[in-house]
Amino acid sequence: FRRTTNQKIAMIQPNLGAFYLLSLTAAMVGRLTQRQLDLLNDISGRNTGNPYTVRRNGEFYDIDYAMAAHEVTFIEAAGFLFFGSKIVEIGAGYGRTAHTILNNFDVASYVIVDLPKMLALSQRYLSAVLHTEDFAKVTFLERFPDDGTFDLAINIDSFPEMTDAVNAEYLRKIAECSEAFYTKNVVGRYVWSRTQLNAPAYFDAQTTGIVLQCNGNA
């Protein structure tokens, strides 16, 4: 991999980031429990789009769905029962967590709240990978429903992208409308530096709060 003089002092070329991703994926997949592997093996169309994958026991796994398996088993370990539940997810990305849940559990409904362009992406992806009856359970909304009640609210890796006011409003609605709340986000939020620097690559970290309790349920 070392094609230039400078790169001969390093382990790998900087532009070969895929090797780092595959190493992380291999480490994560190698630690998946049997329950997590069973969840992943039951997901149809999991490798749609040809993601970077590693092989374990003849099956190919990528890091996104490996994380989804961790999320689902964490929620299970907390005592939540997915079957027959009503779920709302704020910021679903392309839909891998929704896909994992809908393919493994007979939930009553699944609402995705997101920006219009992201809704278009998740709708296109989920319509391609979900069975027709499972896709029919999904509702795509640009705003959190005012009249909805949910058994579980989910937010993964998007609250730090929002303003404090938007976060506070989402948390208020979750506390009012959902029996349980699962959140997985970084502790710090990164904003453009307010100092006089020429390079926009400089960032300041801004800490954010995390809500761990909703309607008395952890």
N, C-alpha and C. Protein backbone atom coordinates (compact mmCIF):
# COMPACT_ATOMS: atom_id res chain seq x y z
N PHE A 1 0.82 -1.21 0.00
CA PHE A 1 0.00 0.00 0.00
C PHE A 1 0.86 1.27 0.00
N ARG A 2 2.14 1.11 0.19
CA ARG A 2 2.98 2.29 0.36
C ARG A 2 3.61 2.68 -0.97
N ARG A 3 2.99 3.63 -1.63
CA ARG A 3 3.39 3.95 -2.99
C ARG A 3 4.31 5.17 -3.10
N THR A 4 4.39 6.00 -2.07
CA THR A 4 5.24 7.18 -2.13
C THR A 4 6.23 7.14 -0.98
N THR A 5 7.24 8.00 -1.06
CA THR A 5 8.27 8.02 -0.02
C THR A 5 7.69 8.35 1.34
N ASN A 6 6.83 9.38 1.42
CA ASN A 6 6.26 9.78 2.70
C ASN A 6 5.38 8.68 3.29
N GLN A 7 4.67 7.97 2.43
CA GLN A 7 3.75 6.96 2.94
C GLN A 7 4.47 5.71 3.42
N LYS A 8 5.76 5.60 3.12
CA LYS A 8 6.49 4.42 3.58
C LYS A 8 6.74 4.46 5.08
N ILE A 9 6.56 5.62 5.72
CA ILE A 9 6.75 5.68 7.17
C ILE A 9 5.44 5.42 7.90
N ALA A 10 4.34 5.27 7.16
CA ALA A 10 3.04 5.01 7.78
C ALA A 10 2.58 3.60 7.45
N MET A 11 1.52 3.18 8.13
CA MET A 11 1.01 1.83 7.93
C MET A 11 0.24 1.68 6.62
N ILE A 12 -0.43 2.74 6.21
CA ILE A 12 -1.32 2.62 5.07
C ILE A 12 -1.54 3.98 4.45
N GLN A 13 -1.92 4.03 3.22
CA GLN A 13 -2.20 5.31 2.57
C GLN A 13 -3.43 5.95 3.18
N PRO A 14 -3.42 7.27 3.37
CA PRO A 14 -4.59 7.94 3.95
C PRO A 14 -5.85 7.77 3.10
N ASN A 15 -5.71 7.62 1.78
CA ASN A 15 -6.90 7.52 0.94
C ASN A 15 -7.48 6.11 0.90
N LEU A 16 -6.90 5.19 1.66
CA LEU A 16 -7.42 3.84 1.72
C LEU A 16 -8.23 3.64 3.00
N GLY A 17 -9.14 4.58 3.26
CA GLY A 17 -9.93 4.53 4.48
C GLY A 17 -10.83 3.33 4.57
N ALA A 18 -11.15 2.71 3.45
CA ALA A 18 -12.01 1.53 3.46
C ALA A 18 -11.39 0.41 4.29
N PHE A 19 -10.06 0.32 4.33
CA PHE A 19 -9.42 -0.72 5.11
C PHE A 19 -9.64 -0.51 6.60
N TYR A 20 -9.65 0.76 7.03
CA TYR A 20 -9.93 1.06 8.43
C TYR A 20 -11.38 0.70 8.74
N LEU A 21 -12.30 1.04 7.85
CA LEU A 21 -13.71 0.71 8.05
C LEU A 21 -13.90 -0.80 8.14
N LEU A 22 -13.26 -1.54 7.26
CA LEU A 22 -13.39 -2.99 7.29
C LEU A 22 -12.78 -3.59 8.56
N SER A 23 -11.70 -3.00 9.05
CA SER A 23 -11.11 -3.48 10.30
C SER A 23 -12.07 -3.26 11.47
N LEU A 24 -12.69 -2.08 11.52
CA LEU A 24 -13.68 -1.80 12.56
C LEU A 24 -14.87 -2.74 12.44
N THR A 25 -15.32 -2.95 11.21
CA THR A 25 -16.45 -3.84 10.98
C THR A 25 -16.13 -5.26 11.43
N ALA A 26 -14.94 -5.74 11.08
CA ALA A 26 -14.54 -7.09 11.47
C ALA A 26 -14.48 -7.23 12.99
N ALA A 27 -13.97 -6.21 13.67
CA ALA A 27 -13.89 -6.26 15.13
C ALA A 27 -15.28 -6.30 15.75
N MET A 28 -16.19 -5.51 15.19
CA MET A 28 -17.55 -5.45 15.73
C MET A 28 -18.32 -6.73 15.43
N VAL A 29 -18.23 -7.20 14.20
CA VAL A 29 -18.95 -8.41 13.81
C VAL A 29 -18.43 -9.61 14.58
N GLY A 30 -17.14 -9.64 14.85
CA GLY A 30 -16.56 -10.75 15.60
C GLY A 30 -17.07 -10.86 17.02
N ARG A 31 -17.64 -9.79 17.53
CA ARG A 31 -18.15 -9.77 18.91
C ARG A 31 -19.67 -9.87 18.99
N LEU A 32 -20.34 -10.03 17.85
CA LEU A 32 -21.79 -10.15 17.88
C LEU A 32 -22.21 -11.43 18.60
N THR A 33 -23.25 -11.31 19.42
CA THR A 33 -23.77 -12.48 20.11
C THR A 33 -24.62 -13.31 19.15
N GLN A 34 -24.97 -14.52 19.58
CA GLN A 34 -25.81 -15.36 18.73
C GLN A 34 -27.17 -14.71 18.52
N ARG A 35 -27.71 -14.07 19.54
CA ARG A 35 -29.00 -13.38 19.39
C ARG A 35 -28.89 -12.29 18.34
N GLN A 36 -27.81 -11.52 18.36
CA GLN A 36 -27.61 -10.45 17.38
C GLN A 36 -27.44 -11.01 15.98
N LEU A 37 -26.71 -12.11 15.85
CA LEU A 37 -26.56 -12.74 14.54
C LEU A 37 -27.89 -13.27 14.02
N ASP A 38 -28.69 -13.82 14.92
CA ASP A 38 -30.01 -14.33 14.51
C ASP A 38 -30.88 -13.19 13.99
N LEU A 39 -30.85 -12.04 14.67
CA LEU A 39 -31.61 -10.88 14.21
C LEU A 39 -31.18 -10.46 12.81
N LEU A 40 -29.87 -10.40 12.59
CA LEU A 40 -29.35 -9.96 11.29
C LEU A 40 -29.66 -10.97 10.20
N ASN A 41 -29.56 -12.24 10.51
CA ASN A 41 -29.80 -13.27 9.49
C ASN A 41 -31.25 -13.33 9.05
N ASP A 42 -32.15 -12.78 9.87
CA ASP A 42 -33.57 -12.76 9.51
C ASP A 42 -33.96 -11.54 8.69
N ILE A 43 -33.01 -10.65 8.40
CA ILE A 43 -33.32 -9.42 7.68
C ILE A 43 -33.13 -9.64 6.18
N SER A 44 -34.20 -9.51 5.43
CA SER A 44 -34.12 -9.65 3.98
C SER A 44 -33.61 -8.36 3.35
N GLY A 45 -32.78 -8.49 2.34
CA GLY A 45 -32.26 -7.32 1.64
C GLY A 45 -31.27 -6.50 2.43
N ARG A 46 -30.65 -7.10 3.44
CA ARG A 46 -29.76 -6.35 4.32
C ARG A 46 -28.55 -5.77 3.60
N ASN A 47 -28.09 -6.42 2.55
CA ASN A 47 -26.90 -5.94 1.83
C ASN A 47 -27.24 -5.19 0.55
N THR A 48 -28.47 -4.67 0.48
CA THR A 48 -28.86 -3.83 -0.66
C THR A 48 -27.95 -2.61 -0.73
N GLY A 49 -27.49 -2.28 -1.92
CA GLY A 49 -26.59 -1.14 -2.09
C GLY A 49 -25.13 -1.51 -2.03
N ASN A 50 -24.82 -2.80 -1.80
CA ASN A 50 -23.45 -3.30 -1.81
C ASN A 50 -22.55 -2.55 -0.80
N PRO A 51 -22.90 -2.59 0.50
CA PRO A 51 -22.05 -1.93 1.50
C PRO A 51 -20.76 -2.70 1.74
N TYR A 52 -19.79 -2.05 2.41
CA TYR A 52 -18.58 -2.75 2.82
C TYR A 52 -18.96 -3.80 3.85
N THR A 53 -18.59 -5.04 3.61
CA THR A 53 -18.97 -6.13 4.51
C THR A 53 -17.78 -7.00 4.85
N VAL A 54 -17.94 -7.75 5.94
CA VAL A 54 -16.99 -8.80 6.29
C VAL A 54 -17.79 -10.09 6.46
N ARG A 55 -17.11 -11.23 6.30
CA ARG A 55 -17.79 -12.52 6.34
C ARG A 55 -17.56 -13.22 7.67
N ARG A 56 -18.66 -13.75 8.21
CA ARG A 56 -18.57 -14.57 9.41
C ARG A 56 -19.51 -15.76 9.23
N ASN A 57 -18.97 -16.96 9.36
CA ASN A 57 -19.76 -18.19 9.20
C ASN A 57 -20.53 -18.20 7.88
N GLY A 58 -19.89 -17.69 6.83
CA GLY A 58 -20.50 -17.74 5.50
C GLY A 58 -21.49 -16.62 5.21
N GLU A 59 -21.79 -15.76 6.20
CA GLU A 59 -22.71 -14.65 6.01
C GLU A 59 -21.92 -13.34 5.97
N PHE A 60 -22.42 -12.37 5.20
CA PHE A 60 -21.76 -11.08 5.09
C PHE A 60 -22.50 -10.04 5.92
N TYR A 61 -21.74 -9.24 6.70
CA TYR A 61 -22.32 -8.25 7.60
C TYR A 61 -21.62 -6.90 7.42
N ASP A 62 -22.40 -5.82 7.52
CA ASP A 62 -21.81 -4.48 7.47
C ASP A 62 -21.97 -3.81 8.82
N ILE A 63 -21.28 -2.69 9.01
CA ILE A 63 -21.21 -2.08 10.34
C ILE A 63 -22.52 -1.41 10.73
N ASP A 64 -23.28 -0.89 9.77
CA ASP A 64 -24.55 -0.24 10.09
C ASP A 64 -25.54 -1.22 10.70
N TYR A 65 -25.71 -2.36 10.07
CA TYR A 65 -26.66 -3.33 10.59
C TYR A 65 -26.14 -4.01 11.85
N ALA A 66 -24.83 -4.11 12.00
CA ALA A 66 -24.28 -4.62 13.26
C ALA A 66 -24.65 -3.67 14.40
N MET A 67 -24.60 -2.37 14.15
CA MET A 67 -25.02 -1.41 15.17
C MET A 67 -26.51 -1.52 15.45
N ALA A 68 -27.30 -1.75 14.41
CA ALA A 68 -28.74 -1.91 14.60
C ALA A 68 -29.04 -3.12 15.49
N ALA A 69 -28.28 -4.20 15.31
CA ALA A 69 -28.47 -5.37 16.16
C ALA A 69 -28.16 -5.05 17.62
N HIS A 70 -27.12 -4.25 17.85
CA HIS A 70 -26.80 -3.82 19.22
C HIS A 70 -27.93 -2.98 19.79
N GLU A 71 -28.48 -2.10 18.98
CA GLU A 71 -29.56 -1.22 19.46
C GLU A 71 -30.79 -2.04 19.86
N VAL A 72 -31.16 -2.98 19.03
CA VAL A 72 -32.35 -3.79 19.31
C VAL A 72 -32.15 -4.63 20.57
N THR A 73 -30.99 -5.27 20.72
CA THR A 73 -30.77 -6.12 21.89
C THR A 73 -30.62 -5.28 23.16
N PHE A 74 -30.12 -4.06 23.06
CA PHE A 74 -30.07 -3.16 24.22
C PHE A 74 -31.48 -2.85 24.70
N ILE A 75 -32.37 -2.53 23.75
CA ILE A 75 -33.76 -2.22 24.10
C ILE A 75 -34.45 -3.45 24.68
N GLU A 76 -34.19 -4.62 24.10
CA GLU A 76 -34.75 -5.87 24.63
C GLU A 76 -34.29 -6.10 26.06
N ALA A 77 -32.99 -5.88 26.32
CA ALA A 77 -32.43 -6.13 27.64
C ALA A 77 -33.04 -5.21 28.70
N ALA A 78 -33.53 -4.03 28.25
CA ALA A 78 -34.18 -3.11 29.17
C ALA A 78 -35.61 -3.53 29.50
N GLY A 79 -36.09 -4.60 28.85
CA GLY A 79 -37.40 -5.13 29.15
C GLY A 79 -38.50 -4.73 28.20
N PHE A 80 -38.15 -4.05 27.10
CA PHE A 80 -39.18 -3.62 26.16
C PHE A 80 -39.57 -4.76 25.23
N LEU A 81 -40.88 -4.90 24.99
CA LEU A 81 -41.40 -5.93 24.09
C LEU A 81 -41.83 -5.28 22.79
N PHE A 82 -41.18 -5.65 21.69
CA PHE A 82 -41.46 -5.03 20.40
C PHE A 82 -42.80 -5.47 19.80
N PHE A 83 -43.19 -6.71 20.04
CA PHE A 83 -44.37 -7.25 19.38
C PHE A 83 -45.63 -6.45 19.72
N GLY A 84 -46.33 -5.99 18.69
CA GLY A 84 -47.56 -5.25 18.87
C GLY A 84 -47.38 -3.81 19.29
N SER A 85 -46.14 -3.31 19.29
CA SER A 85 -45.87 -1.97 19.78
C SER A 85 -46.02 -0.91 18.69
N LYS A 86 -46.21 0.33 19.14
CA LYS A 86 -46.25 1.49 18.25
C LYS A 86 -44.97 2.29 18.48
N ILE A 87 -44.21 2.49 17.41
CA ILE A 87 -42.87 3.07 17.51
C ILE A 87 -42.79 4.34 16.68
N VAL A 88 -42.07 5.34 17.19
CA VAL A 88 -41.75 6.53 16.42
C VAL A 88 -40.24 6.73 16.46
N GLU A 89 -39.63 6.96 15.30
CA GLU A 89 -38.20 7.22 15.23
C GLU A 89 -37.96 8.60 14.63
N ILE A 90 -37.19 9.40 15.34
CA ILE A 90 -36.84 10.75 14.89
C ILE A 90 -35.47 10.69 14.22
N GLY A 91 -35.42 10.98 12.93
CA GLY A 91 -34.14 10.92 12.22
C GLY A 91 -33.71 9.50 11.96
N ALA A 92 -34.35 8.82 11.01
CA ALA A 92 -34.09 7.40 10.78
C ALA A 92 -32.95 7.15 9.79
N GLY A 93 -32.34 8.20 9.25
CA GLY A 93 -31.32 7.98 8.23
C GLY A 93 -31.92 7.29 7.02
N TYR A 94 -31.24 6.28 6.51
CA TYR A 94 -31.80 5.56 5.36
C TYR A 94 -32.76 4.46 5.80
N GLY A 95 -32.80 4.16 7.13
CA GLY A 95 -33.82 3.25 7.63
C GLY A 95 -33.36 1.92 8.15
N ARG A 96 -32.07 1.78 8.48
CA ARG A 96 -31.58 0.45 8.85
C ARG A 96 -32.14 -0.03 10.19
N THR A 97 -32.37 0.87 11.17
CA THR A 97 -32.95 0.44 12.44
C THR A 97 -34.40 0.04 12.25
N ALA A 98 -35.15 0.84 11.49
CA ALA A 98 -36.53 0.49 11.18
C ALA A 98 -36.60 -0.84 10.46
N HIS A 99 -35.71 -1.05 9.51
CA HIS A 99 -35.66 -2.31 8.75
C HIS A 99 -35.42 -3.49 9.68
N THR A 100 -34.48 -3.35 10.60
CA THR A 100 -34.15 -4.42 11.54
C THR A 100 -35.34 -4.77 12.42
N ILE A 101 -36.02 -3.75 12.93
CA ILE A 101 -37.16 -3.99 13.82
C ILE A 101 -38.34 -4.59 13.06
N LEU A 102 -38.67 -3.99 11.92
CA LEU A 102 -39.84 -4.44 11.16
C LEU A 102 -39.67 -5.84 10.60
N ASN A 103 -38.43 -6.23 10.31
CA ASN A 103 -38.19 -7.57 9.76
C ASN A 103 -38.17 -8.65 10.83
N ASN A 104 -38.01 -8.25 12.09
CA ASN A 104 -37.88 -9.23 13.17
C ASN A 104 -39.07 -9.27 14.12
N PHE A 105 -39.90 -8.23 14.10
CA PHE A 105 -41.00 -8.17 15.06
C PHE A 105 -42.28 -7.71 14.37
N ASP A 106 -43.39 -8.26 14.82
CA ASP A 106 -44.69 -7.86 14.29
C ASP A 106 -45.19 -6.66 15.07
N VAL A 107 -44.66 -5.47 14.74
CA VAL A 107 -45.08 -4.25 15.42
C VAL A 107 -46.39 -3.75 14.84
N ALA A 108 -47.09 -2.92 15.63
CA ALA A 108 -48.37 -2.39 15.16
C ALA A 108 -48.17 -1.28 14.13
N SER A 109 -47.20 -0.39 14.39
CA SER A 109 -46.95 0.73 13.47
C SER A 109 -45.56 1.29 13.72
N TYR A 110 -45.04 1.97 12.70
CA TYR A 110 -43.71 2.57 12.79
C TYR A 110 -43.76 3.93 12.09
N VAL A 111 -43.57 5.00 12.85
CA VAL A 111 -43.59 6.36 12.31
C VAL A 111 -42.16 6.88 12.22
N ILE A 112 -41.79 7.43 11.08
CA ILE A 112 -40.48 8.06 10.89
C ILE A 112 -40.68 9.56 10.71
N VAL A 113 -40.00 10.34 11.53
CA VAL A 113 -40.06 11.80 11.45
C VAL A 113 -38.69 12.29 11.01
N ASP A 114 -38.65 13.05 9.91
CA ASP A 114 -37.35 13.46 9.40
C ASP A 114 -37.51 14.64 8.43
N LEU A 115 -36.38 15.12 7.93
CA LEU A 115 -36.40 16.17 6.92
C LEU A 115 -36.87 15.59 5.59
N PRO A 116 -37.44 16.42 4.71
CA PRO A 116 -38.03 15.91 3.47
C PRO A 116 -37.08 15.05 2.63
N LYS A 117 -35.84 15.49 2.44
CA LYS A 117 -34.91 14.73 1.61
C LYS A 117 -34.57 13.39 2.25
N MET A 118 -34.46 13.36 3.58
CA MET A 118 -34.16 12.10 4.25
C MET A 118 -35.37 11.18 4.23
N LEU A 119 -36.56 11.75 4.32
CA LEU A 119 -37.77 10.93 4.21
C LEU A 119 -37.84 10.26 2.84
N ALA A 120 -37.48 11.01 1.81
CA ALA A 120 -37.49 10.43 0.46
C ALA A 120 -36.50 9.28 0.36
N LEU A 121 -35.34 9.43 1.01
CA LEU A 121 -34.33 8.37 0.97
C LEU A 121 -34.81 7.13 1.73
N SER A 122 -35.29 7.31 2.96
CA SER A 122 -35.72 6.16 3.75
C SER A 122 -36.94 5.49 3.13
N GLN A 123 -37.83 6.29 2.55
CA GLN A 123 -39.00 5.71 1.90
C GLN A 123 -38.59 4.85 0.71
N ARG A 124 -37.65 5.34 -0.07
CA ARG A 124 -37.19 4.58 -1.24
C ARG A 124 -36.48 3.30 -0.80
N TYR A 125 -35.63 3.41 0.22
CA TYR A 125 -34.88 2.24 0.67
C TYR A 125 -35.79 1.20 1.29
N LEU A 126 -36.64 1.63 2.22
CA LEU A 126 -37.50 0.68 2.91
C LEU A 126 -38.53 0.03 1.98
N SER A 127 -38.97 0.78 0.98
CA SER A 127 -39.91 0.18 0.03
C SER A 127 -39.23 -0.92 -0.79
N ALA A 128 -37.91 -0.83 -0.92
CA ALA A 128 -37.17 -1.82 -1.70
C ALA A 128 -36.82 -3.07 -0.88
N VAL A 129 -36.62 -2.90 0.45
CA VAL A 129 -36.12 -4.03 1.24
C VAL A 129 -37.17 -4.68 2.12
N LEU A 130 -38.26 -3.99 2.42
CA LEU A 130 -39.29 -4.55 3.29
C LEU A 130 -40.34 -5.33 2.50
N HIS A 131 -40.91 -6.32 3.15
CA HIS A 131 -42.08 -6.97 2.58
C HIS A 131 -43.23 -5.97 2.53
N THR A 132 -44.14 -6.16 1.60
CA THR A 132 -45.22 -5.21 1.38
C THR A 132 -46.02 -4.95 2.65
N GLU A 133 -46.32 -6.01 3.39
CA GLU A 133 -47.14 -5.84 4.60
C GLU A 133 -46.40 -5.09 5.69
N ASP A 134 -45.08 -5.24 5.74
CA ASP A 134 -44.30 -4.49 6.73
C ASP A 134 -44.15 -3.03 6.33
N PHE A 135 -43.92 -2.78 5.04
CA PHE A 135 -43.79 -1.40 4.58
C PHE A 135 -45.09 -0.63 4.80
N ALA A 136 -46.23 -1.31 4.72
CA ALA A 136 -47.53 -0.66 4.92
C ALA A 136 -47.69 -0.14 6.35
N LYS A 137 -46.89 -0.63 7.28
CA LYS A 137 -46.97 -0.18 8.67
C LYS A 137 -46.21 1.13 8.91
N VAL A 138 -45.43 1.57 7.93
CA VAL A 138 -44.56 2.75 8.11
C VAL A 138 -45.26 4.01 7.61
N THR A 139 -45.20 5.05 8.44
CA THR A 139 -45.71 6.37 8.08
C THR A 139 -44.55 7.35 8.10
N PHE A 140 -44.43 8.18 7.07
CA PHE A 140 -43.33 9.13 6.93
C PHE A 140 -43.87 10.55 7.15
N LEU A 141 -43.35 11.24 8.16
CA LEU A 141 -43.85 12.56 8.53
C LEU A 141 -42.71 13.57 8.66
N GLU A 142 -43.00 14.82 8.32
CA GLU A 142 -42.02 15.89 8.49
C GLU A 142 -42.09 16.52 9.88
N ARG A 143 -43.18 16.27 10.62
CA ARG A 143 -43.34 16.82 11.96
C ARG A 143 -43.77 15.70 12.91
N PHE A 144 -43.37 15.83 14.15
CA PHE A 144 -43.79 14.89 15.18
C PHE A 144 -45.30 14.99 15.34
N PRO A 145 -46.03 13.88 15.28
CA PRO A 145 -47.49 13.96 15.34
C PRO A 145 -47.99 14.48 16.68
N ASP A 146 -48.92 15.41 16.65
CA ASP A 146 -49.45 16.01 17.88
C ASP A 146 -50.43 15.10 18.60
N ASP A 147 -51.06 14.20 17.86
CA ASP A 147 -52.12 13.37 18.45
C ASP A 147 -51.71 11.92 18.58
N GLY A 148 -50.44 11.60 18.44
CA GLY A 148 -50.01 10.21 18.51
C GLY A 148 -49.60 9.78 19.90
N THR A 149 -49.77 8.51 20.20
CA THR A 149 -49.25 7.90 21.42
C THR A 149 -48.41 6.69 21.00
N PHE A 150 -47.26 6.53 21.65
CA PHE A 150 -46.31 5.51 21.23
C PHE A 150 -45.80 4.72 22.43
N ASP A 151 -45.45 3.48 22.16
CA ASP A 151 -44.83 2.65 23.19
C ASP A 151 -43.34 2.93 23.29
N LEU A 152 -42.73 3.34 22.17
CA LEU A 152 -41.29 3.58 22.15
C LEU A 152 -40.94 4.70 21.18
N ALA A 153 -40.11 5.62 21.63
CA ALA A 153 -39.52 6.64 20.77
C ALA A 153 -38.03 6.35 20.64
N ILE A 154 -37.49 6.57 19.43
CA ILE A 154 -36.09 6.27 19.15
C ILE A 154 -35.42 7.49 18.52
N ASN A 155 -34.20 7.80 18.98
CA ASN A 155 -33.38 8.77 18.27
C ASN A 155 -31.94 8.30 18.30
N ILE A 156 -31.33 8.19 17.12
CA ILE A 156 -29.96 7.70 16.99
C ILE A 156 -29.16 8.67 16.13
N ASP A 157 -28.14 9.27 16.72
CA ASP A 157 -27.16 10.07 15.98
C ASP A 157 -27.76 11.25 15.23
N SER A 158 -28.77 11.92 15.79
CA SER A 158 -29.24 13.13 15.10
C SER A 158 -29.57 14.28 16.03
N PHE A 159 -29.82 14.05 17.31
CA PHE A 159 -30.08 15.16 18.23
C PHE A 159 -28.93 16.18 18.26
N PRO A 160 -27.65 15.74 18.22
CA PRO A 160 -26.57 16.74 18.23
C PRO A 160 -26.54 17.63 16.99
N GLU A 161 -27.25 17.26 15.94
CA GLU A 161 -27.29 18.08 14.73
C GLU A 161 -28.34 19.20 14.84
N MET A 162 -29.17 19.16 15.88
CA MET A 162 -30.27 20.10 16.02
C MET A 162 -29.93 21.21 17.00
N THR A 163 -30.69 22.29 16.93
CA THR A 163 -30.53 23.37 17.90
C THR A 163 -31.10 22.95 19.25
N ASP A 164 -30.73 23.68 20.30
CA ASP A 164 -31.25 23.37 21.63
C ASP A 164 -32.77 23.49 21.67
N ALA A 165 -33.31 24.47 20.96
CA ALA A 165 -34.76 24.67 20.97
C ALA A 165 -35.48 23.50 20.33
N VAL A 166 -34.95 23.02 19.21
CA VAL A 166 -35.57 21.88 18.53
C VAL A 166 -35.45 20.63 19.40
N ASN A 167 -34.29 20.42 20.01
CA ASN A 167 -34.11 19.28 20.91
C ASN A 167 -35.13 19.31 22.04
N ALA A 168 -35.26 20.48 22.66
CA ALA A 168 -36.17 20.62 23.80
C ALA A 168 -37.60 20.30 23.40
N GLU A 169 -38.01 20.74 22.21
CA GLU A 169 -39.37 20.48 21.75
C GLU A 169 -39.59 18.99 21.50
N TYR A 170 -38.62 18.33 20.88
CA TYR A 170 -38.74 16.90 20.67
C TYR A 170 -38.83 16.15 22.00
N LEU A 171 -37.98 16.53 22.94
CA LEU A 171 -37.98 15.84 24.24
C LEU A 171 -39.29 16.07 24.98
N ARG A 172 -39.87 17.26 24.86
CA ARG A 172 -41.16 17.53 25.49
C ARG A 172 -42.23 16.63 24.89
N LYS A 173 -42.25 16.51 23.57
CA LYS A 173 -43.27 15.69 22.92
C LYS A 173 -43.08 14.21 23.23
N ILE A 174 -41.82 13.78 23.29
CA ILE A 174 -41.54 12.38 23.64
C ILE A 174 -42.04 12.08 25.05
N ALA A 175 -41.77 12.99 25.99
CA ALA A 175 -42.21 12.79 27.37
C ALA A 175 -43.73 12.73 27.47
N GLU A 176 -44.42 13.47 26.62
CA GLU A 176 -45.88 13.50 26.65
C GLU A 176 -46.51 12.29 25.96
N CYS A 177 -45.87 11.81 24.89
CA CYS A 177 -46.54 10.87 23.99
C CYS A 177 -45.99 9.46 23.99
N SER A 178 -44.84 9.22 24.62
CA SER A 178 -44.21 7.90 24.53
C SER A 178 -43.94 7.31 25.91
N GLU A 179 -44.16 6.00 26.02
CA GLU A 179 -43.94 5.32 27.29
C GLU A 179 -42.46 5.07 27.56
N ALA A 180 -41.68 4.90 26.51
CA ALA A 180 -40.25 4.64 26.67
C ALA A 180 -39.47 5.39 25.60
N PHE A 181 -38.21 5.67 25.87
CA PHE A 181 -37.37 6.45 24.96
C PHE A 181 -35.98 5.85 24.91
N TYR A 182 -35.53 5.51 23.70
CA TYR A 182 -34.16 5.03 23.49
C TYR A 182 -33.39 6.09 22.72
N THR A 183 -32.25 6.51 23.29
CA THR A 183 -31.42 7.51 22.61
C THR A 183 -29.98 7.03 22.58
N LYS A 184 -29.34 7.17 21.42
CA LYS A 184 -27.92 6.86 21.28
C LYS A 184 -27.28 8.00 20.50
N ASN A 185 -26.58 8.87 21.22
CA ASN A 185 -25.98 10.04 20.61
C ASN A 185 -24.63 10.32 21.24
N VAL A 186 -23.80 11.05 20.53
CA VAL A 186 -22.51 11.45 21.08
C VAL A 186 -22.73 12.43 22.22
N VAL A 187 -21.77 12.52 23.11
CA VAL A 187 -21.88 13.43 24.25
C VAL A 187 -21.60 14.87 23.82
N GLY A 188 -20.78 15.05 22.81
CA GLY A 188 -20.44 16.40 22.35
C GLY A 188 -21.09 16.74 21.04
N ARG A 189 -21.38 18.02 20.86
CA ARG A 189 -21.89 18.51 19.58
C ARG A 189 -20.81 19.41 18.98
N TYR A 190 -20.60 19.29 17.67
CA TYR A 190 -19.57 20.08 17.01
C TYR A 190 -20.21 21.19 16.19
N VAL A 191 -19.75 22.43 16.45
CA VAL A 191 -20.25 23.59 15.73
C VAL A 191 -19.06 24.31 15.12
N TRP A 192 -19.35 25.11 14.08
CA TRP A 192 -18.26 25.87 13.47
C TRP A 192 -17.61 26.77 14.50
N SER A 193 -16.28 26.82 14.50
CA SER A 193 -15.54 27.61 15.48
C SER A 193 -15.90 29.08 15.39
N ARG A 194 -16.02 29.71 16.55
CA ARG A 194 -16.30 31.14 16.60
C ARG A 194 -15.02 31.97 16.68
N THR A 195 -13.88 31.28 16.67
CA THR A 195 -12.60 31.99 16.71
C THR A 195 -12.19 32.39 15.31
N GLN A 196 -11.21 33.30 15.22
CA GLN A 196 -10.76 33.82 13.93
C GLN A 196 -9.74 32.88 13.32
N LEU A 197 -10.23 31.84 12.67
CA LEU A 197 -9.36 30.88 12.00
C LEU A 197 -9.74 30.83 10.53
N ASN A 198 -8.75 30.68 9.68
CA ASN A 198 -9.00 30.67 8.25
C ASN A 198 -9.55 29.33 7.77
N ALA A 199 -9.10 28.25 8.37
CA ALA A 199 -9.50 26.93 7.90
C ALA A 199 -10.81 26.50 8.56
N PRO A 200 -11.83 26.17 7.77
CA PRO A 200 -13.12 25.76 8.34
C PRO A 200 -13.09 24.38 8.97
N ALA A 201 -11.95 23.71 8.93
CA ALA A 201 -11.87 22.38 9.50
C ALA A 201 -11.80 22.41 11.03
N TYR A 202 -11.60 23.61 11.62
CA TYR A 202 -11.52 23.71 13.07
C TYR A 202 -12.93 23.72 13.67
N PHE A 203 -13.12 22.94 14.71
CA PHE A 203 -14.43 22.83 15.35
C PHE A 203 -14.28 23.02 16.86
N ASP A 204 -15.34 23.49 17.46
CA ASP A 204 -15.42 23.54 18.92
C ASP A 204 -16.43 22.50 19.37
N ALA A 205 -16.14 21.81 20.44
CA ALA A 205 -17.08 20.84 20.99
C ALA A 205 -18.01 21.54 21.97
N GLN A 206 -19.29 21.24 21.87
CA GLN A 206 -20.29 21.81 22.76
C GLN A 206 -21.07 20.66 23.38
N THR A 207 -21.06 20.58 24.69
CA THR A 207 -21.70 19.45 25.35
C THR A 207 -23.21 19.56 25.27
N THR A 208 -23.88 18.42 25.27
CA THR A 208 -25.33 18.38 25.22
C THR A 208 -25.85 17.44 26.30
N GLY A 209 -27.07 17.67 26.73
CA GLY A 209 -27.68 16.83 27.74
C GLY A 209 -28.33 15.61 27.12
N ILE A 210 -28.52 14.58 27.90
CA ILE A 210 -29.15 13.35 27.43
C ILE A 210 -30.29 12.99 28.39
N VAL A 211 -31.47 12.79 27.87
CA VAL A 211 -32.61 12.39 28.69
C VAL A 211 -32.66 10.88 28.78
N LEU A 212 -32.73 10.35 29.99
CA LEU A 212 -32.71 8.91 30.18
C LEU A 212 -34.03 8.37 30.72
N GLN A 213 -35.00 9.25 31.01
CA GLN A 213 -36.23 8.78 31.63
C GLN A 213 -37.42 9.45 30.96
N CYS A 214 -38.51 8.71 30.83
CA CYS A 214 -39.68 9.23 30.16
C CYS A 214 -40.93 8.65 30.80
N ASN A 215 -41.80 9.49 31.31
CA ASN A 215 -43.04 9.02 31.96
C ASN A 215 -42.76 8.03 33.07
N GLY A 216 -41.65 8.23 33.75
CA GLY A 216 -41.33 7.37 34.87
C GLY A 216 -40.66 6.06 34.50
N ASN A 217 -40.49 5.79 33.19
CA ASN A 217 -39.88 4.55 32.74
C ASN A 217 -38.47 4.80 32.25
N ALA A 218 -37.52 4.05 32.76
CA ALA A 218 -36.14 4.23 32.31
C ALA A 218 -35.99 3.74 30.90
